């Protein structure tokens, strides 16, 4: 059940050559996955990120983490997004 819920989050990751040169982004916005990973890596909490950037949702951050996990497992970026 949890795995199915996480897989639904991955649908929030989009790749569009017209947005950020095809870098994986959140929901077609100019929010690259790597930028959100940087924010998390800097120690910001989900709540802090969402407070500073209200266009983002908790599920977007969960999608970024799921995307990163799948990429590290060797899945191709095109397969994931």
PDB file of N, CA and C in Angstrom:
ATOM      1  N   UNK A   1       0.822  -1.203   0.000  1.00  0.00           N
ATOM      2  CA  UNK A   1       0.000   0.000   0.000  1.00  0.00           C
ATOM      3  C   UNK A   1       0.862   1.262   0.000  1.00  0.00           C
ATOM      4  N   UNK A   2       1.888   1.300   0.854  1.00  0.00           N
ATOM      5  CA  UNK A   2       2.753   2.481   0.921  1.00  0.00           C
ATOM      6  C   UNK A   2       3.490   2.661  -0.394  1.00  0.00           C
ATOM      7  N   UNK A   3       3.984   1.577  -0.988  1.00  0.00           N
ATOM      8  CA  UNK A   3       4.710   1.675  -2.252  1.00  0.00           C
ATOM      9  C   UNK A   3       3.819   2.251  -3.352  1.00  0.00           C
ATOM     10  N   UNK A   4       2.569   1.841  -3.409  1.00  0.00           N
ATOM     11  CA  UNK A   4       1.633   2.363  -4.408  1.00  0.00           C
ATOM     12  C   UNK A   4       1.444   3.860  -4.212  1.00  0.00           C
ATOM     13  N   UNK A   5       1.306   4.306  -2.967  1.00  0.00           N
ATOM     14  CA  UNK A   5       1.138   5.731  -2.682  1.00  0.00           C
ATOM     15  C   UNK A   5       2.368   6.512  -3.132  1.00  0.00           C
ATOM     16  N   UNK A   6       3.557   5.993  -2.875  1.00  0.00           N
ATOM     17  CA  UNK A   6       4.775   6.681  -3.293  1.00  0.00           C
ATOM     18  C   UNK A   6       4.873   6.744  -4.806  1.00  0.00           C
ATOM     19  N   UNK A   7       4.480   5.700  -5.493  1.00  0.00           N
ATOM     20  CA  UNK A   7       4.547   5.704  -6.946  1.00  0.00           C
ATOM     21  C   UNK A   7       3.627   6.779  -7.525  1.00  0.00           C
ATOM     22  N   UNK A   8       2.539   7.090  -6.855  1.00  0.00           N
ATOM     23  CA  UNK A   8       1.653   8.147  -7.332  1.00  0.00           C
ATOM     24  C   UNK A   8       2.360   9.499  -7.254  1.00  0.00           C
ATOM     25  N   UNK A   9       3.230   9.667  -6.283  1.00  0.00           N
ATOM     26  CA  UNK A   9       3.963  10.922  -6.152  1.00  0.00           C
ATOM     27  C   UNK A   9       4.873  11.155  -7.353  1.00  0.00           C
ATOM     28  N   UNK A  10       5.421  10.096  -7.895  1.00  0.00           N
ATOM     29  CA  UNK A  10       6.375  10.215  -8.993  1.00  0.00           C
ATOM     30  C   UNK A  10       5.728  10.902 -10.188  1.00  0.00           C
ATOM     31  N   UNK A  11       4.422  10.818 -10.316  1.00  0.00           N
ATOM     32  CA  UNK A  11       3.722  11.483 -11.413  1.00  0.00           C
ATOM     33  C   UNK A  11       3.873  13.001 -11.343  1.00  0.00           C
ATOM     34  N   UNK A  12       4.298  13.509 -10.206  1.00  0.00           N
ATOM     35  CA  UNK A  12       4.511  14.951 -10.035  1.00  0.00           C
ATOM     36  C   UNK A  12       5.822  15.409 -10.681  1.00  0.00           C
ATOM     37  N   UNK A  13       6.683  14.479 -11.021  1.00  0.00           N
ATOM     38  CA  UNK A  13       7.951  14.811 -11.656  1.00  0.00           C
ATOM     39  C   UNK A  13       7.739  14.826 -13.163  1.00  0.00           C
ATOM     40  N   UNK A  14       8.087  15.936 -13.790  1.00  0.00           N
ATOM     41  CA  UNK A  14       7.908  16.065 -15.236  1.00  0.00           C
ATOM     42  C   UNK A  14       9.228  16.420 -15.901  1.00  0.00           C
ATOM     43  N   UNK A  15       9.345  16.008 -17.149  1.00  0.00           N
ATOM     44  CA  UNK A  15      10.498  16.358 -17.969  1.00  0.00           C
ATOM     45  C   UNK A  15       9.957  16.981 -19.248  1.00  0.00           C
ATOM     46  N   UNK A  16      10.306  18.231 -19.452  1.00  0.00           N
ATOM     47  CA  UNK A  16       9.841  18.981 -20.624  1.00  0.00           C
ATOM     48  C   UNK A  16      11.027  19.780 -21.159  1.00  0.00           C
ATOM     49  N   UNK A  17      11.428  19.542 -22.404  1.00  0.00           N
ATOM     50  CA  UNK A  17      12.584  20.253 -22.948  1.00  0.00           C
ATOM     51  C   UNK A  17      12.424  21.774 -22.913  1.00  0.00           C
ATOM     52  N   UNK A  18      11.199  22.255 -22.819  1.00  0.00           N
ATOM     53  CA  UNK A  18      10.946  23.698 -22.787  1.00  0.00           C
ATOM     54  C   UNK A  18      11.047  24.286 -21.376  1.00  0.00           C
ATOM     55  N   UNK A  19      11.149  23.425 -20.372  1.00  0.00           N
ATOM     56  CA  UNK A  19      11.221  23.888 -18.987  1.00  0.00           C
ATOM     57  C   UNK A  19      12.545  23.434 -18.389  1.00  0.00           C
ATOM     58  N   UNK A  20      13.370  24.392 -18.020  1.00  0.00           N
ATOM     59  CA  UNK A  20      14.677  24.115 -17.400  1.00  0.00           C
ATOM     60  C   UNK A  20      15.513  23.140 -18.229  1.00  0.00           C
ATOM     61  N   UNK A  21      15.448  23.278 -19.555  1.00  0.00           N
ATOM     62  CA  UNK A  21      16.251  22.479 -20.486  1.00  0.00           C
ATOM     63  C   UNK A  21      16.048  20.977 -20.314  1.00  0.00           C
ATOM     64  N   UNK A  22      14.836  20.582 -19.926  1.00  0.00           N
ATOM     65  CA  UNK A  22      14.544  19.159 -19.790  1.00  0.00           C
ATOM     66  C   UNK A  22      14.971  18.537 -18.482  1.00  0.00           C
ATOM     67  N   UNK A  23      15.389  19.360 -17.541  1.00  0.00           N
ATOM     68  CA  UNK A  23      15.745  18.856 -16.213  1.00  0.00           C
ATOM     69  C   UNK A  23      14.474  18.373 -15.513  1.00  0.00           C
ATOM     70  N   UNK A  24      14.520  17.253 -14.802  1.00  0.00           N
ATOM     71  CA  UNK A  24      13.334  16.815 -14.066  1.00  0.00           C
ATOM     72  C   UNK A  24      12.875  17.898 -13.087  1.00  0.00           C
ATOM     73  N   UNK A  25      11.593  18.245 -13.176  1.00  0.00           N
ATOM     74  CA  UNK A  25      11.016  19.330 -12.369  1.00  0.00           C
ATOM     75  C   UNK A  25       9.727  18.862 -11.701  1.00  0.00           C
ATOM     76  N   UNK A  26       9.251  19.697 -10.797  1.00  0.00           N
ATOM     77  CA  UNK A  26       7.994  19.435 -10.111  1.00  0.00           C
ATOM     78  C   UNK A  26       6.831  19.992 -10.917  1.00  0.00           C
ATOM     79  N   UNK A  27       5.891  19.148 -11.244  1.00  0.00           N
ATOM     80  CA  UNK A  27       4.611  19.499 -11.866  1.00  0.00           C
ATOM     81  C   UNK A  27       4.700  20.529 -12.984  1.00  0.00           C
ATOM     82  N   UNK A  28       5.714  20.438 -13.808  1.00  0.00           N
ATOM     83  CA  UNK A  28       5.832  21.347 -14.942  1.00  0.00           C
ATOM     84  C   UNK A  28       6.220  22.764 -14.558  1.00  0.00           C
ATOM     85  N   UNK A  29       6.530  22.992 -13.285  1.00  0.00           N
ATOM     86  CA  UNK A  29       6.977  24.308 -12.837  1.00  0.00           C
ATOM     87  C   UNK A  29       8.499  24.385 -12.975  1.00  0.00           C
ATOM     88  N   UNK A  30       9.022  25.532 -12.787  1.00  0.00           N
ATOM     89  CA  UNK A  30      10.479  25.715 -12.861  1.00  0.00           C
ATOM     90  C   UNK A  30      11.126  25.435 -11.506  1.00  0.00           C
ATOM     91  N   UNK A  31      10.797  24.287 -10.971  1.00  0.00           N
ATOM     92  CA  UNK A  31      11.365  23.808  -9.713  1.00  0.00           C
ATOM     93  C   UNK A  31      12.074  22.485  -9.979  1.00  0.00           C
ATOM     94  N   UNK A  32      13.368  22.532 -10.342  1.00  0.00           N
ATOM     95  CA  UNK A  32      14.096  21.285 -10.576  1.00  0.00           C
ATOM     96  C   UNK A  32      14.184  20.419  -9.322  1.00  0.00           C
ATOM     97  N   UNK A  33      14.146  19.128  -9.530  1.00  0.00           N
ATOM     98  CA  UNK A  33      14.303  18.167  -8.445  1.00  0.00           C
ATOM     99  C   UNK A  33      15.580  18.477  -7.657  1.00  0.00           C
ATOM    100  N   UNK A  34      16.652  18.795  -8.350  1.00  0.00           N
ATOM    101  CA  UNK A  34      17.938  19.033  -7.683  1.00  0.00           C
ATOM    102  C   UNK A  34      17.883  20.221  -6.724  1.00  0.00           C
ATOM    103  N   UNK A  35      17.098  21.237  -7.042  1.00  0.00           N
ATOM    104  CA  UNK A  35      16.993  22.407  -6.157  1.00  0.00           C
ATOM    105  C   UNK A  35      16.295  22.020  -4.858  1.00  0.00           C
ATOM    106  N   UNK A  36      15.232  21.231  -4.972  1.00  0.00           N
ATOM    107  CA  UNK A  36      14.547  20.805  -3.750  1.00  0.00           C
ATOM    108  C   UNK A  36      15.433  19.876  -2.923  1.00  0.00           C
ATOM    109  N   UNK A  37      16.213  19.031  -3.576  1.00  0.00           N
ATOM    110  CA  UNK A  37      17.157  18.196  -2.832  1.00  0.00           C
ATOM    111  C   UNK A  37      18.193  19.055  -2.115  1.00  0.00           C
ATOM    112  N   UNK A  38      18.640  20.130  -2.770  1.00  0.00           N
ATOM    113  CA  UNK A  38      19.574  21.062  -2.120  1.00  0.00           C
ATOM    114  C   UNK A  38      18.949  21.702  -0.882  1.00  0.00           C
ATOM    115  N   UNK A  39      17.687  22.106  -0.991  1.00  0.00           N
ATOM    116  CA  UNK A  39      17.007  22.710   0.163  1.00  0.00           C
ATOM    117  C   UNK A  39      16.910  21.725   1.315  1.00  0.00           C
ATOM    118  N   UNK A  40      16.541  20.486   1.005  1.00  0.00           N
ATOM    119  CA  UNK A  40      16.481  19.464   2.046  1.00  0.00           C
ATOM    120  C   UNK A  40      17.866  19.195   2.629  1.00  0.00           C
ATOM    121  N   UNK A  41      18.855  19.135   1.763  1.00  0.00           N
ATOM    122  CA  UNK A  41      20.229  18.893   2.210  1.00  0.00           C
ATOM    123  C   UNK A  41      20.790  20.011   3.065  1.00  0.00           C
ATOM    124  N   UNK A  42      20.243  21.209   2.898  1.00  0.00           N
ATOM    125  CA  UNK A  42      20.706  22.337   3.707  1.00  0.00           C
ATOM    126  C   UNK A  42      20.117  22.297   5.118  1.00  0.00           C
ATOM    127  N   UNK A  43      19.197  21.356   5.328  1.00  0.00           N
ATOM    128  CA  UNK A  43      18.603  21.218   6.648  1.00  0.00           C
ATOM    129  C   UNK A  43      17.191  21.784   6.775  1.00  0.00           C
ATOM    130  N   UNK A  44      16.664  22.325   5.673  1.00  0.00           N
ATOM    131  CA  UNK A  44      15.301  22.855   5.736  1.00  0.00           C
ATOM    132  C   UNK A  44      14.307  21.706   5.888  1.00  0.00           C
ATOM    133  N   UNK A  45      13.282  21.942   6.684  1.00  0.00           N
ATOM    134  CA  UNK A  45      12.221  20.954   6.852  1.00  0.00           C
ATOM    135  C   UNK A  45      11.203  21.112   5.735  1.00  0.00           C
ATOM    136  N   UNK A  46      10.344  20.124   5.599  1.00  0.00           N
ATOM    137  CA  UNK A  46       9.251  20.226   4.624  1.00  0.00           C
ATOM    138  C   UNK A  46       8.465  21.508   4.882  1.00  0.00           C
ATOM    139  N   UNK A  47       8.152  21.739   6.149  1.00  0.00           N
ATOM    140  CA  UNK A  47       7.331  22.889   6.511  1.00  0.00           C
ATOM    141  C   UNK A  47       8.008  24.209   6.147  1.00  0.00           C
ATOM    142  N   UNK A  48       9.307  24.303   6.374  1.00  0.00           N
ATOM    143  CA  UNK A  48      10.038  25.532   6.031  1.00  0.00           C
ATOM    144  C   UNK A  48      10.042  25.772   4.522  1.00  0.00           C
ATOM    145  N   UNK A  49      10.250  24.718   3.769  1.00  0.00           N
ATOM    146  CA  UNK A  49      10.264  24.851   2.313  1.00  0.00           C
ATOM    147  C   UNK A  49       8.906  25.328   1.816  1.00  0.00           C
ATOM    148  N   UNK A  50       7.850  24.710   2.312  1.00  0.00           N
ATOM    149  CA  UNK A  50       6.497  25.075   1.875  1.00  0.00           C
ATOM    150  C   UNK A  50       6.131  26.480   2.338  1.00  0.00           C
ATOM    151  N   UNK A  51       6.560  26.861   3.519  1.00  0.00           N
ATOM    152  CA  UNK A  51       6.289  28.220   4.002  1.00  0.00           C
ATOM    153  C   UNK A  51       6.967  29.253   3.105  1.00  0.00           C
ATOM    154  N   UNK A  52       8.216  28.993   2.753  1.00  0.00           N
ATOM    155  CA  UNK A  52       8.972  29.922   1.898  1.00  0.00           C
ATOM    156  C   UNK A  52       8.491  29.896   0.445  1.00  0.00           C
ATOM    157  N   UNK A  53       7.941  28.774   0.011  1.00  0.00           N
ATOM    158  CA  UNK A  53       7.543  28.595  -1.393  1.00  0.00           C
ATOM    159  C   UNK A  53       6.155  27.949  -1.427  1.00  0.00           C
ATOM    160  N   UNK A  54       5.107  28.731  -1.184  1.00  0.00           N
ATOM    161  CA  UNK A  54       3.754  28.162  -1.035  1.00  0.00           C
ATOM    162  C   UNK A  54       3.192  27.491  -2.288  1.00  0.00           C
ATOM    163  N   UNK A  55       3.836  27.675  -3.428  1.00  0.00           N
ATOM    164  CA  UNK A  55       3.370  26.971  -4.629  1.00  0.00           C
ATOM    165  C   UNK A  55       3.709  25.483  -4.575  1.00  0.00           C
ATOM    166  N   UNK A  56       4.593  25.121  -3.658  1.00  0.00           N
ATOM    167  CA  UNK A  56       4.967  23.719  -3.486  1.00  0.00           C
ATOM    168  C   UNK A  56       4.059  23.059  -2.455  1.00  0.00           C
ATOM    169  N   UNK A  57       3.932  21.748  -2.583  1.00  0.00           N
ATOM    170  CA  UNK A  57       3.115  20.955  -1.669  1.00  0.00           C
ATOM    171  C   UNK A  57       3.974  19.845  -1.071  1.00  0.00           C
ATOM    172  N   UNK A  58       3.535  19.351   0.065  1.00  0.00           N
ATOM    173  CA  UNK A  58       4.258  18.273   0.751  1.00  0.00           C
ATOM    174  C   UNK A  58       4.496  17.098  -0.200  1.00  0.00           C
ATOM    175  N   UNK A  59       3.502  16.778  -1.000  1.00  0.00           N
ATOM    176  CA  UNK A  59       3.615  15.664  -1.940  1.00  0.00           C
ATOM    177  C   UNK A  59       4.694  15.898  -2.990  1.00  0.00           C
ATOM    178  N   UNK A  60       4.965  17.160  -3.310  1.00  0.00           N
ATOM    179  CA  UNK A  60       6.047  17.472  -4.252  1.00  0.00           C
ATOM    180  C   UNK A  60       7.390  17.063  -3.661  1.00  0.00           C
ATOM    181  N   UNK A  61       7.568  17.347  -2.381  1.00  0.00           N
ATOM    182  CA  UNK A  61       8.837  17.002  -1.723  1.00  0.00           C
ATOM    183  C   UNK A  61       8.965  15.494  -1.600  1.00  0.00           C
ATOM    184  N   UNK A  62       7.874  14.824  -1.283  1.00  0.00           N
ATOM    185  CA  UNK A  62       7.905  13.362  -1.240  1.00  0.00           C
ATOM    186  C   UNK A  62       8.226  12.788  -2.615  1.00  0.00           C
ATOM    187  N   UNK A  63       7.707  13.404  -3.659  1.00  0.00           N
ATOM    188  CA  UNK A  63       7.996  12.958  -5.027  1.00  0.00           C
ATOM    189  C   UNK A  63       9.480  13.105  -5.338  1.00  0.00           C
ATOM    190  N   UNK A  64      10.078  14.203  -4.902  1.00  0.00           N
ATOM    191  CA  UNK A  64      11.511  14.429  -5.122  1.00  0.00           C
ATOM    192  C   UNK A  64      12.329  13.332  -4.435  1.00  0.00           C
ATOM    193  N   UNK A  65      11.976  12.997  -3.226  1.00  0.00           N
ATOM    194  CA  UNK A  65      12.705  11.953  -2.503  1.00  0.00           C
ATOM    195  C   UNK A  65      12.529  10.594  -3.168  1.00  0.00           C
ATOM    196  N   UNK A  66      11.324  10.299  -3.604  1.00  0.00           N
ATOM    197  CA  UNK A  66      11.076   9.036  -4.301  1.00  0.00           C
ATOM    198  C   UNK A  66      11.845   8.993  -5.623  1.00  0.00           C
ATOM    199  N   UNK A  67      11.861  10.101  -6.339  1.00  0.00           N
ATOM    200  CA  UNK A  67      12.593  10.190  -7.602  1.00  0.00           C
ATOM    201  C   UNK A  67      14.086   9.922  -7.364  1.00  0.00           C
ATOM    202  N   UNK A  68      14.641  10.561  -6.339  1.00  0.00           N
ATOM    203  CA  UNK A  68      16.064  10.379  -6.028  1.00  0.00           C
ATOM    204  C   UNK A  68      16.359   8.918  -5.683  1.00  0.00           C
ATOM    205  N   UNK A  69      15.497   8.313  -4.893  1.00  0.00           N
ATOM    206  CA  UNK A  69      15.689   6.912  -4.519  1.00  0.00           C
ATOM    207  C   UNK A  69      15.668   6.023  -5.754  1.00  0.00           C
ATOM    208  N   UNK A  70      14.691   6.231  -6.622  1.00  0.00           N
ATOM    209  CA  UNK A  70      14.586   5.406  -7.824  1.00  0.00           C
ATOM    210  C   UNK A  70      15.779   5.618  -8.754  1.00  0.00           C
ATOM    211  N   UNK A  71      16.256   6.855  -8.863  1.00  0.00           N
ATOM    212  CA  UNK A  71      17.424   7.140  -9.704  1.00  0.00           C
ATOM    213  C   UNK A  71      18.657   6.417  -9.156  1.00  0.00           C
ATOM    214  N   UNK A  72      18.810   6.404  -7.837  1.00  0.00           N
ATOM    215  CA  UNK A  72      19.955   5.718  -7.227  1.00  0.00           C
ATOM    216  C   UNK A  72      19.876   4.209  -7.382  1.00  0.00           C
ATOM    217  N   UNK A  73      18.671   3.709  -7.555  1.00  0.00           N
ATOM    218  CA  UNK A  73      18.497   2.270  -7.764  1.00  0.00           C
ATOM    219  C   UNK A  73      18.787   1.864  -9.198  1.00  0.00           C
ATOM    220  N   UNK A  74      19.118   2.853 -10.047  1.00  0.00           N
ATOM    221  CA  UNK A  74      19.504   2.535 -11.409  1.00  0.00           C
ATOM    222  C   UNK A  74      18.402   2.671 -12.434  1.00  0.00           C
ATOM    223  N   UNK A  75      17.248   3.194 -12.035  1.00  0.00           N
ATOM    224  CA  UNK A  75      16.168   3.406 -13.011  1.00  0.00           C
ATOM    225  C   UNK A  75      16.532   4.592 -13.889  1.00  0.00           C
ATOM    226  N   UNK A  76      16.202   4.508 -15.159  1.00  0.00           N
ATOM    227  CA  UNK A  76      16.481   5.619 -16.056  1.00  0.00           C
ATOM    228  C   UNK A  76      15.542   6.779 -15.716  1.00  0.00           C
ATOM    229  N   UNK A  77      16.032   7.993 -15.893  1.00  0.00           N
ATOM    230  CA  UNK A  77      15.239   9.177 -15.579  1.00  0.00           C
ATOM    231  C   UNK A  77      13.979   9.197 -16.434  1.00  0.00           C
ATOM    232  N   UNK A  78      14.063   8.821 -17.672  1.00  0.00           N
ATOM    233  CA  UNK A  78      12.882   8.798 -18.560  1.00  0.00           C
ATOM    234  C   UNK A  78      11.855   7.763 -18.073  1.00  0.00           C
ATOM    235  N   UNK A  79      12.329   6.644 -17.533  1.00  0.00           N
ATOM    236  CA  UNK A  79      11.415   5.633 -16.991  1.00  0.00           C
ATOM    237  C   UNK A  79      10.692   6.166 -15.763  1.00  0.00           C
ATOM    238  N   UNK A  80      11.417   6.922 -14.949  1.00  0.00           N
ATOM    239  CA  UNK A  80      10.872   7.390 -13.679  1.00  0.00           C
ATOM    240  C   UNK A  80       9.847   8.482 -13.901  1.00  0.00           C
ATOM    241  N   UNK A  81      10.195   9.499 -14.666  1.00  0.00           N
ATOM    242  CA  UNK A  81       9.317  10.672 -14.815  1.00  0.00           C
ATOM    243  C   UNK A  81       8.332  10.473 -15.944  1.00  0.00           C
TER     244      UNK A  81
END
